[in-house]
Protein backbone atom coordinates (compact mmCIF):
# COMPACT_ATOMS: atom_id res chain seq x y z
CA MET A 1 -2.33 6.80 -3.72
CA ARG A 2 -4.51 4.35 -5.80
CA SER A 3 -5.89 5.69 -8.66
CA PRO A 4 -9.38 7.49 -8.99
CA SER A 5 -12.18 5.31 -8.67
CA HIS A 6 -15.58 4.61 -7.64
CA SER A 7 -16.35 3.79 -4.01
CA THR A 8 -18.18 0.84 -2.47
CA SER A 9 -20.01 0.39 1.19
CA HIS A 10 -19.79 -3.08 3.05
CA THR A 11 -22.03 -3.64 5.87
CA TRP A 12 -20.86 -6.08 8.84
CA ARG A 13 -23.43 -7.18 11.23
CA GLY A 14 -22.40 -7.73 14.72
CA PRO A 15 -25.09 -8.71 17.65
CA ALA A 16 -25.50 -5.13 18.67
CA THR A 17 -24.26 -2.17 15.68
CA ASN A 18 -23.82 -3.05 12.44
CA VAL A 19 -20.47 -2.12 10.95
CA HIS A 20 -20.28 -0.56 7.64
CA PHE A 21 -17.67 -0.46 4.94
CA VAL A 22 -16.76 2.46 3.12
CA LEU A 23 -14.03 2.10 -0.23
CA PRO A 24 -13.21 2.74 -3.30
CA ALA A 25 -15.39 0.82 -6.02
CA ASP A 26 -12.49 -0.02 -8.57
CA VAL A 27 -11.01 -2.07 -5.04
CA GLU A 28 -11.51 -5.70 -7.61
CA ASN A 29 -10.82 -4.20 -10.76
CA PRO A 30 -7.45 -6.08 -12.08
CA ALA A 31 -6.35 -3.60 -13.94
CA SER A 32 -5.55 -1.15 -10.76
CA PRO A 33 -4.42 -3.62 -8.20
CA SER A 34 -2.78 -2.19 -4.88
CA GLY A 35 -1.99 -2.65 -1.58
CA GLY A 36 -4.22 -0.95 -0.08
CA ASN A 37 -7.23 -2.66 -2.57
CA VAL A 38 -5.55 -6.09 -1.34
CA PHE A 39 -6.35 -4.70 2.47
CA ASP A 40 -9.85 -3.64 2.06
CA LEU A 41 -10.66 -7.02 -0.08
CA ARG A 42 -8.95 -9.15 2.80
CA VAL A 43 -10.06 -7.62 5.77
CA GLY A 44 -13.97 -7.36 4.41
CA ALA A 45 -14.28 -10.02 2.50
CA GLY A 46 -17.82 -11.35 2.13
CA LEU A 47 -19.38 -8.06 2.51
CA THR A 48 -22.58 -6.90 0.71
CA ARG A 49 -21.49 -3.97 -2.12
CA LEU A 50 -22.63 -0.34 -3.22
CA THR A 51 -20.95 1.67 -5.82
CA VAL A 52 -20.50 5.78 -5.84
CA ALA A 53 -18.91 7.31 -8.84
CA GLY A 54 -16.11 9.81 -7.57
CA ASP A 55 -12.37 10.70 -9.03
CA TRP A 56 -11.01 9.82 -5.07
CA PRO A 57 -9.65 11.55 -3.09
CA ARG A 58 -10.79 15.19 -4.96
CA PRO A 59 -14.63 13.96 -6.38
CA ARG A 60 -15.83 16.13 -9.03
CA ASP A 61 -19.33 14.90 -7.10
CA VAL A 62 -19.75 14.12 -4.01
CA THR A 63 -23.75 13.80 -3.94
CA ALA A 64 -23.80 9.47 -3.92
CA LEU A 65 -21.21 9.99 -0.95
CA ARG A 66 -23.35 12.28 0.76
CA GLN A 67 -26.18 9.90 0.22
CA THR A 68 -24.16 6.92 0.99
CA LEU A 69 -23.36 8.55 4.24
CA ALA A 70 -26.67 9.46 4.82
CA GLY A 71 -28.61 6.62 5.00
CA ILE A 72 -26.48 4.63 7.72
CA PRO A 73 -28.43 4.51 11.00
CA ASP A 74 -27.42 6.71 13.75
CA GLY A 75 -24.99 5.04 15.98
CA ASP A 76 -23.74 2.24 13.73
CA VAL A 77 -20.21 2.07 13.43
CA VAL A 78 -18.43 2.72 9.84
CA LEU A 79 -15.12 2.22 8.70
CA ILE A 80 -14.14 4.56 5.76
CA ASP A 81 -11.18 4.16 3.38
CA GLY A 82 -9.27 7.27 3.55
CA LEU A 83 -9.31 7.95 -0.03
CA VAL A 84 -12.76 8.39 0.24
CA GLY A 85 -13.17 9.96 2.94
CA CYS A 86 -10.15 12.09 4.15
CA GLY A 87 -10.22 14.35 1.34
CA LEU A 88 -14.24 15.82 1.95
CA PRO A 89 -14.40 16.87 5.59
CA GLU A 90 -17.18 18.72 4.30
CA VAL A 91 -19.26 15.63 3.49
CA VAL A 92 -17.81 12.88 6.30
CA VAL A 93 -17.47 15.36 9.22
CA PRO A 94 -21.15 16.32 10.11
CA HIS A 95 -22.02 12.62 9.98
CA ALA A 96 -19.14 11.83 12.61
CA ARG A 97 -21.22 13.60 15.11
CA ARG A 98 -24.07 10.95 14.68
CA LEU A 99 -21.91 7.97 13.77
CA LYS A 100 -18.97 5.79 15.14
CA LEU A 101 -16.27 6.35 12.21
CA ALA A 102 -13.34 4.99 12.00
CA VAL A 103 -10.78 5.92 9.34
CA LEU A 104 -8.25 3.30 7.52
CA VAL A 105 -5.31 5.33 6.46
CA HIS A 106 -3.53 3.86 3.44
CA LEU A 107 -0.95 6.49 2.88
CA PRO A 108 -1.70 10.08 3.78
CA LEU A 109 -3.04 12.20 0.91
CA ALA A 110 -0.74 14.91 1.11
CA ASP A 111 2.39 12.49 0.60
CA GLU A 112 1.79 11.50 -2.95
CA THR A 113 4.66 12.30 -4.76
CA GLY A 114 4.44 14.91 -7.05
CA LEU A 115 1.61 17.12 -5.77
CA ASP A 116 2.36 20.84 -5.65
CA PRO A 117 2.84 22.51 -2.11
CA GLY A 118 -0.26 24.15 -2.31
CA THR A 119 -2.04 20.99 -3.41
CA ALA A 120 -0.61 19.10 -0.71
CA ALA A 121 -1.36 21.31 2.20
CA LEU A 122 -4.99 21.88 1.08
CA LEU A 123 -5.33 17.83 1.51
CA ASP A 124 -2.94 17.59 4.43
CA ASP A 125 -5.51 20.15 6.63
CA LYS A 126 -8.64 18.76 5.19
CA GLU A 127 -7.40 14.76 6.19
CA ARG A 128 -6.72 16.73 9.27
CA GLN A 129 -10.00 18.03 9.75
CA VAL A 130 -11.41 13.83 8.70
CA LEU A 131 -8.75 12.57 11.23
CA ARG A 132 -9.72 14.84 14.22
CA ALA A 133 -13.53 13.93 14.07
CA ALA A 134 -13.20 10.65 13.73
CA SER A 135 -13.81 7.94 16.65
CA ALA A 136 -10.86 5.81 15.32
CA VAL A 137 -8.09 6.49 13.23
CA ILE A 138 -6.54 3.11 11.82
CA ALA A 139 -3.12 2.95 9.87
CA THR A 140 -1.45 -0.11 8.03
CA SER A 141 2.45 0.81 10.09
CA PRO A 142 3.76 1.82 13.06
CA THR A 143 5.54 4.04 11.28
CA ALA A 144 2.94 5.31 9.46
CA ALA A 145 0.49 5.77 12.88
CA GLN A 146 3.67 7.58 14.34
CA ASN A 147 3.43 10.07 10.65
CA ILE A 148 -0.22 10.43 11.27
CA ARG A 149 0.03 11.21 15.15
CA SER A 150 2.80 13.80 14.90
CA ARG A 151 1.44 15.34 11.34
CA HIS A 152 -2.59 16.07 12.53
CA GLY A 153 -1.44 15.92 16.36
CA LEU A 154 -3.88 12.88 17.50
CA ALA A 155 -3.83 11.12 20.52
CA GLU A 156 -3.62 7.77 19.26
CA VAL A 157 -3.52 5.93 15.64
CA HIS A 158 -4.35 2.15 15.97
CA VAL A 159 -2.23 -0.36 13.66
CA VAL A 160 -3.44 -3.20 11.73
CA LEU A 161 -0.96 -4.88 9.94
CA PRO A 162 -1.81 -6.38 6.44
CA GLY A 163 -1.11 -10.00 6.61
CA THR A 164 0.83 -12.62 4.20
CA ASP A 165 -0.23 -15.37 2.68
CA PRO A 166 2.11 -18.42 2.59
CA ALA A 167 3.95 -19.17 -0.38
CA PRO A 168 6.70 -21.72 -1.86
CA LEU A 169 9.84 -20.85 -2.19
CA ALA A 170 11.11 -19.19 -5.46
CA THR A 171 13.26 -20.93 -7.53
CA GLY A 172 15.14 -17.91 -9.43
CA THR A 173 16.75 -17.69 -12.73
CA ASP A 174 20.54 -17.53 -12.01
CA GLY A 175 20.47 -16.47 -8.84
CA VAL A 176 21.77 -13.26 -9.32
CA SER A 177 20.71 -11.30 -12.68
CA ARG A 178 16.23 -11.33 -12.62
CA LEU A 179 15.02 -8.68 -10.66
CA LEU A 180 12.13 -8.19 -9.92
CA CYS A 181 9.91 -5.26 -9.05
CA VAL A 182 6.04 -4.64 -7.96
CA ALA A 183 4.50 -1.11 -8.18
CA SER A 184 2.28 0.75 -10.45
CA ILE A 185 4.20 2.79 -12.21
CA THR A 186 4.24 6.49 -11.08
CA PRO A 187 6.67 9.01 -9.39
CA ARG A 188 6.03 7.72 -5.63
CA LYS A 189 7.33 4.04 -6.79
CA GLY A 190 10.80 4.93 -7.66
CA HIS A 191 11.09 3.12 -10.99
CA ASP A 192 12.95 6.47 -12.71
CA LEU A 193 15.67 5.89 -9.61
CA LEU A 194 15.78 2.07 -9.83
CA VAL A 195 16.27 2.31 -13.65
CA SER A 196 18.73 5.11 -13.93
CA ALA A 197 21.11 3.59 -10.78
CA LEU A 198 21.05 -0.09 -12.69
CA ARG A 199 21.64 1.36 -16.44
CA LYS A 200 25.32 2.56 -14.67
CA ILE A 201 25.93 -1.22 -13.44
CA GLU A 202 28.07 -3.40 -16.01
CA PHE A 203 26.53 -6.71 -15.91
CA ASP A 204 24.07 -8.61 -17.51
CA TRP A 205 20.89 -7.93 -15.40
CA ARG A 206 17.23 -8.02 -16.59
CA LEU A 207 14.62 -5.77 -14.85
CA GLU A 208 10.76 -6.60 -14.93
CA CYS A 209 8.41 -4.21 -13.58
CA VAL A 210 4.98 -5.63 -12.82
CA GLY A 211 1.94 -3.14 -12.12
CA PRO A 212 -0.34 -0.57 -13.62
CA GLN A 213 1.43 1.32 -16.04
CA ARG A 214 0.49 5.41 -15.69
CA PRO A 215 1.47 8.12 -18.13
CA PHE A 216 4.62 8.16 -15.89
CA LEU A 217 5.79 4.87 -17.77
CA ASP A 218 6.44 7.40 -20.88
CA THR A 219 9.04 9.92 -18.77
CA LEU A 220 11.35 6.68 -17.96
CA PRO A 221 14.65 6.36 -19.40
CA GLN A 222 14.89 3.39 -21.93
CA ASP A 223 16.58 0.26 -21.85
CA ASP A 224 16.02 -3.12 -23.87
CA ARG A 225 16.63 -4.78 -20.24
CA VAL A 226 13.77 -3.42 -18.63
CA SER A 227 10.46 -5.10 -18.94
CA PHE A 228 6.66 -3.56 -18.09
CA PRO A 229 4.21 -6.55 -18.52
CA GLY A 230 1.49 -4.33 -16.76
CA PRO A 231 -0.62 -5.90 -13.65
CA LEU A 232 -0.51 -9.13 -13.46
CA SER A 233 -2.60 -11.49 -10.90
CA GLY A 234 -3.18 -15.14 -9.94
CA GLU A 235 -0.41 -17.96 -11.43
CA ALA A 236 1.25 -15.27 -14.11
CA LEU A 237 1.48 -13.12 -10.70
CA THR A 238 3.11 -16.30 -9.04
CA SER A 239 5.33 -16.94 -12.38
CA ALA A 240 6.69 -13.75 -12.08
CA TYR A 241 8.31 -14.29 -8.09
CA ASP A 242 9.45 -17.56 -8.74
CA ARG A 243 11.72 -16.92 -11.65
CA ALA A 244 13.62 -13.50 -9.90
CA ASP A 245 16.37 -13.70 -8.60
CA LEU A 246 16.08 -10.58 -6.23
CA PHE A 247 13.05 -8.29 -5.30
CA VAL A 248 13.52 -4.51 -5.33
CA LEU A 249 11.46 -1.19 -4.75
CA ALA A 250 12.96 2.16 -4.68
CA SER A 251 9.74 3.95 -3.42
CA ARG A 252 9.76 7.52 -2.29
CA ALA A 253 7.16 7.19 0.35
CA GLU A 254 5.27 3.77 1.33
CA THR A 255 2.87 3.51 4.52
CA TYR A 256 3.69 -0.18 4.60
CA GLY A 257 4.84 -2.53 1.15
CA MET A 258 2.65 -5.37 0.95
CA VAL A 259 5.19 -6.37 -1.95
CA VAL A 260 7.62 -6.42 0.37
CA THR A 261 6.23 -8.81 2.32
CA GLU A 262 4.72 -11.08 -0.48
CA ALA A 263 8.75 -11.73 -1.97
CA LEU A 264 9.75 -12.11 1.55
CA ALA A 265 7.34 -15.13 1.95
CA ARG A 266 8.81 -16.86 -1.42
CA GLY A 267 12.27 -16.26 -0.22
CA LEU A 268 13.76 -13.75 -2.31
CA PRO A 269 16.05 -11.19 -1.07
CA VAL A 270 15.09 -7.62 -0.86
CA ILE A 271 17.09 -4.54 -1.29
CA ALA A 272 14.08 -1.30 -0.65
CA SER A 273 13.66 2.04 0.24
CA ALA A 274 10.73 3.25 2.42
CA VAL A 275 9.33 -0.09 4.22
CA PRO A 276 11.24 -0.51 7.25
CA ASP A 277 7.88 -2.29 8.71
CA ALA A 278 7.27 -4.55 6.42
CA LEU A 279 11.19 -5.37 5.65
CA GLY A 280 11.89 -5.62 9.13
CA ASP A 281 15.34 -7.21 9.09
CA GLY A 282 14.65 -9.36 6.07
CA GLY A 283 16.35 -7.02 3.71
CA LEU A 284 18.44 -4.14 2.93
CA LEU A 285 16.85 -0.85 3.42
CA LEU A 286 17.95 2.06 1.57
CA PRO A 287 16.98 5.73 2.34
CA PRO A 288 14.43 6.92 -0.10
CA GLY A 289 15.35 8.78 -3.38
CA ASP A 290 19.12 8.01 -3.24
CA ALA A 291 20.15 6.72 -6.67
CA ASN A 292 23.67 6.18 -5.40
CA ALA A 293 22.83 4.07 -2.37
CA PHE A 294 20.60 2.29 -5.18
CA GLU A 295 23.93 1.83 -7.48
CA ALA A 296 26.42 0.88 -4.54
CA ALA A 297 23.67 -1.92 -2.99
CA LEU A 298 23.19 -3.26 -6.58
CA THR A 299 26.65 -3.28 -7.89
CA ARG A 300 27.14 -5.49 -4.60
CA TRP A 301 24.26 -7.29 -4.91
CA PHE A 302 25.65 -8.60 -8.36
CA HIS A 303 29.48 -9.06 -7.88
CA ASP A 304 29.63 -10.20 -4.16
CA PRO A 305 28.43 -13.55 -3.09
CA ASP A 306 28.81 -13.39 0.18
CA PHE A 307 25.96 -10.36 0.28
CA ARG A 308 23.80 -12.06 -1.71
CA ALA A 309 24.26 -15.14 0.68
CA GLU A 310 23.33 -12.83 3.39
CA LEU A 311 20.22 -11.37 2.28
CA ARG A 312 18.41 -14.62 1.41
CA ALA A 313 19.32 -16.05 4.75
CA ARG A 314 17.89 -12.83 6.37
CA ALA A 315 14.76 -13.53 3.65
CA LEU A 316 14.35 -16.89 4.82
CA THR A 317 14.37 -15.63 8.88
CA ARG A 318 11.88 -12.61 8.09
CA ARG A 319 9.64 -14.87 5.87
CA ALA A 320 8.73 -17.57 9.28
CA ASN A 321 7.88 -14.27 11.18
CA LEU A 322 4.82 -12.81 8.78
CA SER A 323 1.69 -11.82 10.10
CA THR A 324 -1.82 -13.82 9.07
CA TRP A 325 -4.45 -12.21 7.21
CA ASP A 326 -6.50 -13.86 10.21
CA GLU A 327 -4.18 -11.72 12.64
CA SER A 328 -4.71 -8.52 10.33
CA THR A 329 -9.09 -9.11 10.19
CA GLU A 330 -8.92 -9.84 14.15
CA ASP A 331 -7.06 -6.52 14.91
CA LEU A 332 -8.72 -4.57 13.00
CA ARG A 333 -12.52 -6.00 13.90
CA ARG A 334 -10.74 -5.61 17.83
CA VAL A 335 -10.52 -1.87 17.36
CA LEU A 336 -13.79 -1.30 15.28
CA ALA A 337 -15.79 -3.71 18.27
CA SER A 338 -14.54 -0.80 20.84
CA LEU A 339 -16.60 1.71 19.32
CA ARG A 340 -19.67 -0.01 19.79
CA PRO A 341 -21.61 1.14 22.40
């Protein structure tokens, strides 16, 4: 789940009906990068923005969001990011009766790691009300779409896969020892599991964990071989990918995992969990939350040259078949066009 934020409304003007995009206002905040934010920016580039205060998905004040939705003319198409809309059926559902509402679900609200059972159940119920009222529901992977269909009893969930920008092949360091993880430092991303697994392995490894540093960072095992440079972008992020020998991600839950395809675009071998659609056959997929599996796989990576060569070959094959952002944008536009009268 992305960090608490504001929201933003973008408007696309089509030949008949306007299409509005309501999303978190921190979408361009370099201190809060996320796959969801990147997705929103890429498929909604060039749109006019209105910001509305709110700590999503449970803001203290919903007045501004009410006013934003109330200002959209009857019959227009509205695409709303699930982080903004799925926790507020009392605000969103009444407008679903007069607008053509599409909801983009990056991660079901109840799937955020660390929620107590009561909060998770409450968020799941609120999300169900919003999605059942919507004219269309969009997920960012086939696995996520199936999850959303089954948990909320929906007949159809559209899939719009994230795209990937072409990138040069990573040069690496020594081909073995330099590991990279790109993810917010939160319980869901599994840094605790990853670091704990690595510390059991006798090898001269180094792990760079790139991403926003949440309070969870203070609870991680301490090791001088692990660095936390914070969120990186532009040339700094490119350099981090380029010097990596292996990309690792120990997520407990993901809806897609765009950082995985960004690594594969550079030909990086990947060992990861919870990202079946992003990874495909491009690397080694492990069970979420399984520290022993990560320890075994990483031990094999460090000590088995044939295994390393196999993972590099898989990454290069997957690299040649990654989706583009043009395809993503066109897929989304087709869904939204189907809602127009």
